């Protein structure tokens, strides 16, 4: 039997001031935390301006 590591993914939903979503998204790519990796950063329209996917 092959053992698999369980992977947990999380999403950070960010609201920004008008005109700052790109700068916040760029800064989010530089986030570091032990045991966590930033997989994707997307600037979007709607109730949230930046979505960060972590693993």
Foldseek 3Di string as FASTA:
>chain_A
DDDDDDDDKDKDFAADDPPCLVVVQVVVQVDDDPPKHWDDWDADDDPGGIMTMMD
